[in-house]
């Protein structure tokens, strides 16, 4: 199986509803292979043999099936898994900061149609392209944890130069 055809930017994307008659169908086997590759990459990158990885998903119909395959792959490689269930993509990245996870897997297809889904992989320093979530297509936004909405709004205004 050529997994490179599922690559979409720094993510893995495909059809999640249907069956394997579609060449871009995200089968359980495909999901498990991608997660196993992430574990091997993360072990090499961190130098750790025992990893702690969080798994979360959006509200798509295929999310539970894909999550089950991802968790099966991770645990079969000796990974301790934090199941974050329904969770936003930025929150999944923050599990590497706030919970001390070595990595995170978010099951989402963002703005793509409902029959699609995907996998986003994060390490502590950001996505697999090396940048924090949100820094895409030339935008220079950095993920920053804030204590309150008021501070977040103030930080956003400062960043845009509207307040000193």
C-alpha atoms as a PDB file:
ATOM      1  CA  UNK A   1       0.000   0.000   0.000  1.00  0.00           C
ATOM      2  CA  UNK A   2       1.419   3.341  -1.064  1.00  0.00           C
ATOM      3  CA  UNK A   3       0.720   5.592   1.926  1.00  0.00           C
ATOM      4  CA  UNK A   4       2.208   8.665   0.231  1.00  0.00           C
ATOM      5  CA  UNK A   5      -1.012   9.192  -1.735  1.00  0.00           C
ATOM      6  CA  UNK A   6      -2.764  10.010   1.562  1.00  0.00           C
ATOM      7  CA  UNK A   7      -0.384  12.875   2.372  1.00  0.00           C
ATOM      8  CA  UNK A   8      -1.983  16.322   2.419  1.00  0.00           C
ATOM      9  CA  UNK A   9       0.485  18.979   3.540  1.00  0.00           C
ATOM     10  CA  UNK A  10       1.712  17.770   6.924  1.00  0.00           C
ATOM     11  CA  UNK A  11      -1.414  15.626   7.478  1.00  0.00           C
ATOM     12  CA  UNK A  12      -2.795  12.295   6.334  1.00  0.00           C
ATOM     13  CA  UNK A  13      -6.213  12.573   4.644  1.00  0.00           C
ATOM     14  CA  UNK A  14      -8.582  10.200   2.886  1.00  0.00           C
ATOM     15  CA  UNK A  15     -12.104   8.875   2.574  1.00  0.00           C
ATOM     16  CA  UNK A  16     -13.284   7.511   5.904  1.00  0.00           C
ATOM     17  CA  UNK A  17     -16.792   6.398   4.971  1.00  0.00           C
ATOM     18  CA  UNK A  18     -17.282   3.645   2.422  1.00  0.00           C
ATOM     19  CA  UNK A  19     -15.025   0.691   1.777  1.00  0.00           C
ATOM     20  CA  UNK A  20     -11.713  -0.356   0.312  1.00  0.00           C
ATOM     21  CA  UNK A  21     -13.022  -0.182  -3.260  1.00  0.00           C
ATOM     22  CA  UNK A  22     -12.011   3.495  -3.023  1.00  0.00           C
ATOM     23  CA  UNK A  23      -8.205   3.716  -3.430  1.00  0.00           C
ATOM     24  CA  UNK A  24      -8.081   6.581  -0.894  1.00  0.00           C
ATOM     25  CA  UNK A  25     -10.132   4.772   1.787  1.00  0.00           C
ATOM     26  CA  UNK A  26      -8.676   5.103   5.299  1.00  0.00           C
ATOM     27  CA  UNK A  27      -8.877   1.460   6.371  1.00  0.00           C
ATOM     28  CA  UNK A  28      -8.041   0.380   9.901  1.00  0.00           C
ATOM     29  CA  UNK A  29      -4.849  -1.194   8.541  1.00  0.00           C
ATOM     30  CA  UNK A  30      -3.832   2.085   6.893  1.00  0.00           C
ATOM     31  CA  UNK A  31      -4.483   4.036  10.113  1.00  0.00           C
ATOM     32  CA  UNK A  32      -2.486   1.499  12.133  1.00  0.00           C
ATOM     33  CA  UNK A  33       0.475   1.694   9.732  1.00  0.00           C
ATOM     34  CA  UNK A  34       0.533   5.491   9.917  1.00  0.00           C
ATOM     35  CA  UNK A  35       0.379   5.457  13.726  1.00  0.00           C
ATOM     36  CA  UNK A  36       3.120   2.808  13.923  1.00  0.00           C
ATOM     37  CA  UNK A  37       5.325   4.963  11.686  1.00  0.00           C
ATOM     38  CA  UNK A  38       4.662   7.962  13.967  1.00  0.00           C
ATOM     39  CA  UNK A  39       5.691   5.917  17.027  1.00  0.00           C
ATOM     40  CA  UNK A  40       8.935   4.810  15.362  1.00  0.00           C
ATOM     41  CA  UNK A  41       9.696   8.376  14.253  1.00  0.00           C
ATOM     42  CA  UNK A  42       8.932   9.791  17.711  1.00  0.00           C
ATOM     43  CA  UNK A  43      11.044   7.143  19.483  1.00  0.00           C
ATOM     44  CA  UNK A  44      13.989   8.017  17.250  1.00  0.00           C
ATOM     45  CA  UNK A  45      13.453  11.741  17.682  1.00  0.00           C
ATOM     46  CA  UNK A  46      13.069  11.658  21.482  1.00  0.00           C
ATOM     47  CA  UNK A  47      15.449   8.804  22.221  1.00  0.00           C
ATOM     48  CA  UNK A  48      12.746   7.329  24.466  1.00  0.00           C
ATOM     49  CA  UNK A  49      11.637   3.724  24.396  1.00  0.00           C
ATOM     50  CA  UNK A  50       8.439   4.367  26.401  1.00  0.00           C
ATOM     51  CA  UNK A  51       6.171   7.066  24.993  1.00  0.00           C
ATOM     52  CA  UNK A  52       3.042   8.828  26.223  1.00  0.00           C
ATOM     53  CA  UNK A  53       0.767   9.907  23.341  1.00  0.00           C
ATOM     54  CA  UNK A  54      -2.660  11.550  23.451  1.00  0.00           C
ATOM     55  CA  UNK A  55      -5.409  10.740  20.947  1.00  0.00           C
ATOM     56  CA  UNK A  56      -8.421  12.941  20.220  1.00  0.00           C
ATOM     57  CA  UNK A  57     -10.940  13.519  17.464  1.00  0.00           C
ATOM     58  CA  UNK A  58     -13.552  15.839  16.007  1.00  0.00           C
ATOM     59  CA  UNK A  59     -17.248  14.969  15.669  1.00  0.00           C
ATOM     60  CA  UNK A  60     -17.138  13.110  12.352  1.00  0.00           C
ATOM     61  CA  UNK A  61     -19.004   9.800  12.063  1.00  0.00           C
ATOM     62  CA  UNK A  62     -15.814   7.854  11.334  1.00  0.00           C
ATOM     63  CA  UNK A  63     -13.870   9.218  14.320  1.00  0.00           C
ATOM     64  CA  UNK A  64     -14.561   6.364  16.765  1.00  0.00           C
ATOM     65  CA  UNK A  65     -13.537   3.658  14.260  1.00  0.00           C
ATOM     66  CA  UNK A  66     -10.338   5.481  13.370  1.00  0.00           C
ATOM     67  CA  UNK A  67      -9.576   6.197  17.038  1.00  0.00           C
ATOM     68  CA  UNK A  68      -9.939   2.494  17.893  1.00  0.00           C
ATOM     69  CA  UNK A  69      -7.433   1.588  15.156  1.00  0.00           C
ATOM     70  CA  UNK A  70      -5.024   4.330  16.263  1.00  0.00           C
ATOM     71  CA  UNK A  71      -5.155   3.295  19.930  1.00  0.00           C
ATOM     72  CA  UNK A  72      -4.676  -0.367  18.963  1.00  0.00           C
ATOM     73  CA  UNK A  73      -1.570   0.506  16.946  1.00  0.00           C
ATOM     74  CA  UNK A  74      -0.107   2.749  19.643  1.00  0.00           C
ATOM     75  CA  UNK A  75      -0.645   0.298  22.513  1.00  0.00           C
ATOM     76  CA  UNK A  76       0.704  -2.609  20.438  1.00  0.00           C
ATOM     77  CA  UNK A  77       3.963  -0.620  20.230  1.00  0.00           C
ATOM     78  CA  UNK A  78       4.131  -0.161  24.016  1.00  0.00           C
ATOM     79  CA  UNK A  79       2.784   3.403  24.067  1.00  0.00           C
ATOM     80  CA  UNK A  80       0.776   4.706  27.023  1.00  0.00           C
ATOM     81  CA  UNK A  81      -2.292   6.437  25.553  1.00  0.00           C
ATOM     82  CA  UNK A  82      -4.337   9.346  26.905  1.00  0.00           C
ATOM     83  CA  UNK A  83      -7.793   9.171  25.287  1.00  0.00           C
ATOM     84  CA  UNK A  84      -8.969  12.771  24.963  1.00  0.00           C
ATOM     85  CA  UNK A  85     -12.133  11.827  23.000  1.00  0.00           C
ATOM     86  CA  UNK A  86     -13.902  14.833  21.419  1.00  0.00           C
ATOM     87  CA  UNK A  87     -11.252  17.549  21.389  1.00  0.00           C
ATOM     88  CA  UNK A  88     -10.079  20.484  19.287  1.00  0.00           C
ATOM     89  CA  UNK A  89      -6.848  20.359  17.301  1.00  0.00           C
ATOM     90  CA  UNK A  90      -5.124  23.129  19.319  1.00  0.00           C
ATOM     91  CA  UNK A  91      -6.118  21.356  22.550  1.00  0.00           C
ATOM     92  CA  UNK A  92      -4.505  18.162  21.279  1.00  0.00           C
ATOM     93  CA  UNK A  93      -1.253  20.008  20.624  1.00  0.00           C
ATOM     94  CA  UNK A  94      -1.460  21.470  24.137  1.00  0.00           C
ATOM     95  CA  UNK A  95      -1.504  17.955  25.634  1.00  0.00           C
ATOM     96  CA  UNK A  96       2.202  17.894  24.775  1.00  0.00           C
ATOM     97  CA  UNK A  97       2.665  21.060  26.849  1.00  0.00           C
ATOM     98  CA  UNK A  98       0.153  20.762  29.693  1.00  0.00           C
ATOM     99  CA  UNK A  99       0.012  16.969  30.137  1.00  0.00           C
ATOM    100  CA  UNK A 100       3.602  16.180  29.217  1.00  0.00           C
ATOM    101  CA  UNK A 101       2.658  13.902  26.321  1.00  0.00           C
ATOM    102  CA  UNK A 102       5.529  13.036  24.003  1.00  0.00           C
ATOM    103  CA  UNK A 103       3.187  13.338  21.050  1.00  0.00           C
ATOM    104  CA  UNK A 104      -0.434  13.659  20.012  1.00  0.00           C
ATOM    105  CA  UNK A 105      -2.691  12.275  17.301  1.00  0.00           C
ATOM    106  CA  UNK A 106      -5.726  14.316  16.247  1.00  0.00           C
ATOM    107  CA  UNK A 107      -8.326  12.627  14.060  1.00  0.00           C
ATOM    108  CA  UNK A 108      -9.852  15.361  11.904  1.00  0.00           C
ATOM    109  CA  UNK A 109     -10.318  16.459   8.321  1.00  0.00           C
ATOM    110  CA  UNK A 110     -10.755  20.136   9.120  1.00  0.00           C
ATOM    111  CA  UNK A 111     -12.800  21.822   6.394  1.00  0.00           C
ATOM    112  CA  UNK A 112     -13.028  18.766   4.118  1.00  0.00           C
ATOM    113  CA  UNK A 113     -16.365  17.032   3.310  1.00  0.00           C
ATOM    114  CA  UNK A 114     -18.057  14.771   5.861  1.00  0.00           C
ATOM    115  CA  UNK A 115     -17.029  11.527   4.148  1.00  0.00           C
ATOM    116  CA  UNK A 116     -13.330  12.339   4.685  1.00  0.00           C
ATOM    117  CA  UNK A 117     -11.160  12.172   7.751  1.00  0.00           C
ATOM    118  CA  UNK A 118      -7.511  12.431   8.568  1.00  0.00           C
ATOM    119  CA  UNK A 119      -4.665  12.189  11.039  1.00  0.00           C
ATOM    120  CA  UNK A 120      -2.616  15.077  12.393  1.00  0.00           C
ATOM    121  CA  UNK A 121       0.524  14.176  14.323  1.00  0.00           C
ATOM    122  CA  UNK A 122       2.183  16.477  16.846  1.00  0.00           C
ATOM    123  CA  UNK A 123       5.446  16.382  18.758  1.00  0.00           C
ATOM    124  CA  UNK A 124       6.256  18.790  21.580  1.00  0.00           C
ATOM    125  CA  UNK A 125       7.711  21.339  19.173  1.00  0.00           C
ATOM    126  CA  UNK A 126       4.672  21.361  16.884  1.00  0.00           C
ATOM    127  CA  UNK A 127       3.319  19.497  13.893  1.00  0.00           C
ATOM    128  CA  UNK A 128       5.368  17.166  11.740  1.00  0.00           C
ATOM    129  CA  UNK A 129       6.349  20.115   9.575  1.00  0.00           C
ATOM    130  CA  UNK A 130       8.020  21.562  12.678  1.00  0.00           C
ATOM    131  CA  UNK A 131       5.594  24.417  13.250  1.00  0.00           C
ATOM    132  CA  UNK A 132       2.967  24.933  15.909  1.00  0.00           C
ATOM    133  CA  UNK A 133      -0.676  24.512  14.816  1.00  0.00           C
ATOM    134  CA  UNK A 134      -1.936  27.566  12.982  1.00  0.00           C
ATOM    135  CA  UNK A 135       1.364  28.449  11.307  1.00  0.00           C
ATOM    136  CA  UNK A 136       0.447  27.433   7.798  1.00  0.00           C
ATOM    137  CA  UNK A 137       0.459  29.048   4.367  1.00  0.00           C
ATOM    138  CA  UNK A 138       2.880  31.773   5.408  1.00  0.00           C
ATOM    139  CA  UNK A 139       0.979  32.874   8.516  1.00  0.00           C
ATOM    140  CA  UNK A 140       3.316  33.502  11.430  1.00  0.00           C
ATOM    141  CA  UNK A 141       0.982  32.746  14.327  1.00  0.00           C
ATOM    142  CA  UNK A 142       2.341  30.872  17.302  1.00  0.00           C
ATOM    143  CA  UNK A 143       0.303  28.754  19.654  1.00  0.00           C
ATOM    144  CA  UNK A 144       0.311  30.434  23.055  1.00  0.00           C
ATOM    145  CA  UNK A 145      -1.407  29.223  26.183  1.00  0.00           C
ATOM    146  CA  UNK A 146      -3.337  31.947  27.984  1.00  0.00           C
ATOM    147  CA  UNK A 147      -5.098  31.917  31.332  1.00  0.00           C
ATOM    148  CA  UNK A 148      -8.266  33.727  30.282  1.00  0.00           C
ATOM    149  CA  UNK A 149     -10.230  35.000  27.299  1.00  0.00           C
ATOM    150  CA  UNK A 150      -9.443  38.589  28.281  1.00  0.00           C
ATOM    151  CA  UNK A 151      -5.689  37.936  28.267  1.00  0.00           C
ATOM    152  CA  UNK A 152      -6.010  36.011  25.003  1.00  0.00           C
ATOM    153  CA  UNK A 153      -7.859  38.921  23.360  1.00  0.00           C
ATOM    154  CA  UNK A 154      -5.297  41.418  24.682  1.00  0.00           C
ATOM    155  CA  UNK A 155      -2.430  39.270  23.437  1.00  0.00           C
ATOM    156  CA  UNK A 156      -4.114  39.034  20.023  1.00  0.00           C
ATOM    157  CA  UNK A 157      -4.508  42.839  19.797  1.00  0.00           C
ATOM    158  CA  UNK A 158      -0.876  43.346  20.843  1.00  0.00           C
ATOM    159  CA  UNK A 159       0.290  40.870  18.244  1.00  0.00           C
ATOM    160  CA  UNK A 160      -1.593  42.759  15.532  1.00  0.00           C
ATOM    161  CA  UNK A 161      -0.113  46.082  16.713  1.00  0.00           C
ATOM    162  CA  UNK A 162      -3.361  47.576  17.945  1.00  0.00           C
ATOM    163  CA  UNK A 163      -2.249  47.915  21.534  1.00  0.00           C
ATOM    164  CA  UNK A 164       1.040  48.377  23.310  1.00  0.00           C
END
